[in-house]
N, C-alpha and C. Protein backbone atom coordinates (compact mmCIF):
# COMPACT_ATOMS: atom_id res chain seq x y z
N MET A 1 0.84 -1.18 0.00
CA MET A 1 0.00 0.00 0.00
C MET A 1 0.88 1.25 0.00
N GLN A 2 0.47 2.23 -0.75
CA GLN A 2 1.24 3.47 -0.85
C GLN A 2 0.86 4.44 0.26
N ASP A 3 1.81 5.31 0.59
CA ASP A 3 1.53 6.38 1.55
C ASP A 3 0.93 7.56 0.82
N PHE A 4 0.06 8.30 1.50
CA PHE A 4 -0.57 9.48 0.93
C PHE A 4 -0.17 10.68 1.77
N ILE A 5 0.29 11.72 1.09
CA ILE A 5 0.70 12.95 1.74
C ILE A 5 -0.27 14.04 1.28
N PHE A 6 -1.00 14.63 2.22
CA PHE A 6 -1.99 15.65 1.89
C PHE A 6 -1.42 17.04 2.15
N LYS A 7 -1.52 17.91 1.15
CA LYS A 7 -1.16 19.31 1.34
C LYS A 7 -2.26 19.99 2.15
N LYS A 8 -1.92 21.09 2.80
CA LYS A 8 -2.85 21.81 3.66
C LYS A 8 -4.11 22.25 2.90
N LYS A 9 -3.94 22.70 1.67
CA LYS A 9 -5.06 23.17 0.85
C LYS A 9 -6.06 22.03 0.58
N ALA A 10 -5.55 20.84 0.32
CA ALA A 10 -6.41 19.69 0.05
C ALA A 10 -7.18 19.29 1.30
N LEU A 11 -6.51 19.27 2.45
CA LEU A 11 -7.19 18.91 3.70
C LEU A 11 -8.26 19.93 4.07
N LYS A 12 -7.97 21.20 3.84
CA LYS A 12 -8.93 22.26 4.15
C LYS A 12 -10.21 22.07 3.34
N PHE A 13 -10.07 21.79 2.04
CA PHE A 13 -11.24 21.57 1.20
C PHE A 13 -12.01 20.34 1.66
N LEU A 14 -11.29 19.28 1.97
CA LEU A 14 -11.91 18.02 2.38
C LEU A 14 -12.72 18.19 3.65
N LYS A 15 -12.21 18.94 4.61
CA LYS A 15 -12.90 19.14 5.89
C LYS A 15 -14.18 19.95 5.74
N LYS A 16 -14.28 20.77 4.70
CA LYS A 16 -15.47 21.61 4.49
C LYS A 16 -16.62 20.84 3.85
N GLN A 17 -16.36 19.66 3.34
CA GLN A 17 -17.37 18.90 2.62
C GLN A 17 -18.26 18.09 3.57
N SER A 18 -19.41 17.69 3.05
CA SER A 18 -20.32 16.85 3.84
C SER A 18 -19.66 15.49 4.07
N LYS A 19 -20.14 14.77 5.04
CA LYS A 19 -19.59 13.45 5.38
C LYS A 19 -19.66 12.50 4.19
N ILE A 20 -20.74 12.57 3.44
CA ILE A 20 -20.91 11.69 2.27
C ILE A 20 -19.85 12.00 1.21
N ASP A 21 -19.65 13.29 0.93
CA ASP A 21 -18.64 13.67 -0.06
C ASP A 21 -17.23 13.36 0.43
N GLN A 22 -16.99 13.55 1.72
CA GLN A 22 -15.68 13.20 2.28
C GLN A 22 -15.39 11.73 2.06
N ASP A 23 -16.37 10.88 2.35
CA ASP A 23 -16.18 9.44 2.18
C ASP A 23 -15.91 9.09 0.72
N ARG A 24 -16.66 9.70 -0.21
CA ARG A 24 -16.46 9.44 -1.65
C ARG A 24 -15.06 9.83 -2.08
N LEU A 25 -14.61 11.01 -1.66
CA LEU A 25 -13.30 11.51 -2.06
C LEU A 25 -12.17 10.66 -1.47
N ILE A 26 -12.29 10.33 -0.20
CA ILE A 26 -11.24 9.52 0.45
C ILE A 26 -11.18 8.13 -0.16
N THR A 27 -12.33 7.53 -0.43
CA THR A 27 -12.36 6.22 -1.08
C THR A 27 -11.69 6.28 -2.44
N ALA A 28 -11.97 7.33 -3.21
CA ALA A 28 -11.37 7.48 -4.53
C ALA A 28 -9.86 7.66 -4.43
N ILE A 29 -9.40 8.39 -3.43
CA ILE A 29 -7.96 8.61 -3.25
C ILE A 29 -7.26 7.28 -2.97
N TYR A 30 -7.83 6.45 -2.13
CA TYR A 30 -7.19 5.16 -1.82
C TYR A 30 -7.24 4.20 -3.00
N ARG A 31 -8.11 4.46 -3.96
CA ARG A 31 -8.19 3.62 -5.16
C ARG A 31 -7.57 4.31 -6.37
N ILE A 32 -6.65 5.23 -6.17
CA ILE A 32 -6.09 6.04 -7.26
C ILE A 32 -5.64 5.22 -8.47
N PRO A 33 -4.95 4.12 -8.32
CA PRO A 33 -4.52 3.42 -9.54
C PRO A 33 -5.67 2.94 -10.43
N LYS A 34 -6.87 2.79 -9.88
CA LYS A 34 -8.00 2.26 -10.64
C LYS A 34 -8.96 3.35 -11.11
N GLY A 35 -8.68 4.61 -10.80
CA GLY A 35 -9.62 5.69 -11.07
C GLY A 35 -9.50 6.27 -12.47
N ASP A 36 -10.33 7.28 -12.74
CA ASP A 36 -10.32 8.01 -14.00
C ASP A 36 -9.21 9.06 -13.92
N ILE A 37 -8.01 8.66 -14.31
CA ILE A 37 -6.82 9.50 -14.15
C ILE A 37 -6.33 9.97 -15.51
N LYS A 38 -5.95 11.24 -15.56
CA LYS A 38 -5.35 11.80 -16.77
C LYS A 38 -4.13 12.61 -16.37
N ASN A 39 -3.13 12.61 -17.25
CA ASN A 39 -1.97 13.47 -17.05
C ASN A 39 -2.35 14.89 -17.42
N MET A 40 -1.85 15.85 -16.67
CA MET A 40 -2.14 17.25 -16.95
C MET A 40 -1.16 17.76 -18.01
N ALA A 41 -1.70 18.40 -19.03
CA ALA A 41 -0.86 18.94 -20.11
C ALA A 41 0.04 20.04 -19.56
N ASP A 42 1.23 20.13 -20.09
CA ASP A 42 2.22 21.17 -19.73
C ASP A 42 2.79 21.03 -18.32
N TYR A 43 2.47 19.98 -17.61
CA TYR A 43 3.03 19.77 -16.26
C TYR A 43 3.61 18.37 -16.19
N ASP A 44 4.85 18.29 -15.77
CA ASP A 44 5.48 16.98 -15.60
C ASP A 44 4.99 16.34 -14.31
N ASN A 45 4.56 15.11 -14.40
CA ASN A 45 4.20 14.30 -13.23
C ASN A 45 2.96 14.79 -12.48
N LEU A 46 2.19 15.73 -13.02
CA LEU A 46 0.96 16.18 -12.38
C LEU A 46 -0.21 15.45 -13.02
N LYS A 47 -1.04 14.85 -12.18
CA LYS A 47 -2.18 14.07 -12.67
C LYS A 47 -3.45 14.53 -11.99
N ARG A 48 -4.58 14.20 -12.60
CA ARG A 48 -5.85 14.53 -11.98
C ARG A 48 -6.74 13.30 -11.96
N LEU A 49 -7.51 13.21 -10.90
CA LEU A 49 -8.47 12.13 -10.70
C LEU A 49 -9.85 12.75 -10.68
N ARG A 50 -10.76 12.22 -11.48
CA ARG A 50 -12.13 12.73 -11.53
C ARG A 50 -13.00 11.91 -10.59
N VAL A 51 -13.73 12.61 -9.71
CA VAL A 51 -14.66 11.96 -8.78
C VAL A 51 -15.96 12.76 -8.84
N GLY A 52 -16.85 12.38 -9.75
CA GLY A 52 -18.09 13.13 -9.92
C GLY A 52 -17.80 14.56 -10.33
N LYS A 53 -18.30 15.52 -9.55
CA LYS A 53 -18.08 16.93 -9.87
C LYS A 53 -16.78 17.47 -9.27
N TYR A 54 -16.02 16.63 -8.62
CA TYR A 54 -14.77 17.04 -7.98
C TYR A 54 -13.56 16.54 -8.77
N ARG A 55 -12.43 17.25 -8.60
CA ARG A 55 -11.16 16.85 -9.19
C ARG A 55 -10.11 16.83 -8.10
N ILE A 56 -9.24 15.84 -8.16
CA ILE A 56 -8.14 15.71 -7.21
C ILE A 56 -6.85 15.80 -8.01
N LEU A 57 -6.01 16.78 -7.69
CA LEU A 57 -4.72 16.93 -8.35
C LEU A 57 -3.65 16.30 -7.47
N PHE A 58 -2.80 15.47 -8.07
CA PHE A 58 -1.79 14.76 -7.29
C PHE A 58 -0.55 14.48 -8.11
N THR A 59 0.52 14.15 -7.42
CA THR A 59 1.75 13.69 -8.06
C THR A 59 2.18 12.39 -7.41
N GLU A 60 2.85 11.57 -8.18
CA GLU A 60 3.39 10.32 -7.65
C GLU A 60 4.88 10.52 -7.39
N MET A 61 5.30 10.22 -6.17
CA MET A 61 6.70 10.38 -5.78
C MET A 61 7.20 9.06 -5.23
N ASP A 62 8.48 9.00 -4.95
CA ASP A 62 9.06 7.78 -4.37
C ASP A 62 8.47 7.48 -3.00
N GLU A 63 8.18 8.53 -2.23
CA GLU A 63 7.65 8.37 -0.87
C GLU A 63 6.18 7.97 -0.85
N GLY A 64 5.49 8.20 -1.95
CA GLY A 64 4.06 7.90 -2.02
C GLY A 64 3.37 8.86 -2.96
N ILE A 65 2.09 9.06 -2.74
CA ILE A 65 1.29 9.95 -3.57
C ILE A 65 1.00 11.21 -2.79
N GLU A 66 1.32 12.35 -3.40
CA GLU A 66 1.10 13.64 -2.76
C GLU A 66 -0.17 14.27 -3.33
N ILE A 67 -1.17 14.47 -2.48
CA ILE A 67 -2.43 15.09 -2.88
C ILE A 67 -2.24 16.60 -2.76
N LEU A 68 -2.19 17.28 -3.90
CA LEU A 68 -1.89 18.70 -3.92
C LEU A 68 -3.12 19.57 -3.67
N ASN A 69 -4.23 19.22 -4.31
CA ASN A 69 -5.42 20.05 -4.20
C ASN A 69 -6.65 19.21 -4.53
N ILE A 70 -7.77 19.58 -3.93
CA ILE A 70 -9.06 18.98 -4.22
C ILE A 70 -10.02 20.13 -4.41
N GLY A 71 -10.88 20.04 -5.42
CA GLY A 71 -11.83 21.13 -5.64
C GLY A 71 -12.90 20.74 -6.62
N SER A 72 -13.87 21.63 -6.78
CA SER A 72 -14.93 21.37 -7.75
C SER A 72 -14.39 21.57 -9.15
N ARG A 73 -15.04 20.99 -10.10
CA ARG A 73 -14.56 20.94 -11.48
C ARG A 73 -14.22 22.32 -12.04
N GLY A 74 -15.03 23.32 -11.77
CA GLY A 74 -14.81 24.64 -12.34
C GLY A 74 -13.75 25.45 -11.65
N ASP A 75 -13.44 25.15 -10.40
CA ASP A 75 -12.53 25.98 -9.62
C ASP A 75 -11.12 25.42 -9.47
N ILE A 76 -10.94 24.15 -9.69
CA ILE A 76 -9.67 23.50 -9.37
C ILE A 76 -8.53 23.96 -10.27
N TYR A 77 -8.81 24.32 -11.49
CA TYR A 77 -7.74 24.63 -12.44
C TYR A 77 -7.32 26.10 -12.42
N LYS A 78 -7.93 26.90 -11.58
CA LYS A 78 -7.62 28.34 -11.54
C LYS A 78 -6.37 28.60 -10.74
């Protein structure tokens, strides 16, 4: 099993969500290799995971997976 490192911005967004959405997002994060993942254009090693109306931006490192940001579809890329 891989380790997950959450950035402060990602944790802050996660804590603001309802319990149901928190569970959906956390479950999707632990299943990252099986999710709807795409590489981000113009960024090396930056990937995004789609979870309904939410997007999770992350990178894969030697230490594990670093969750950089979580947000709604329209706001995450700004």
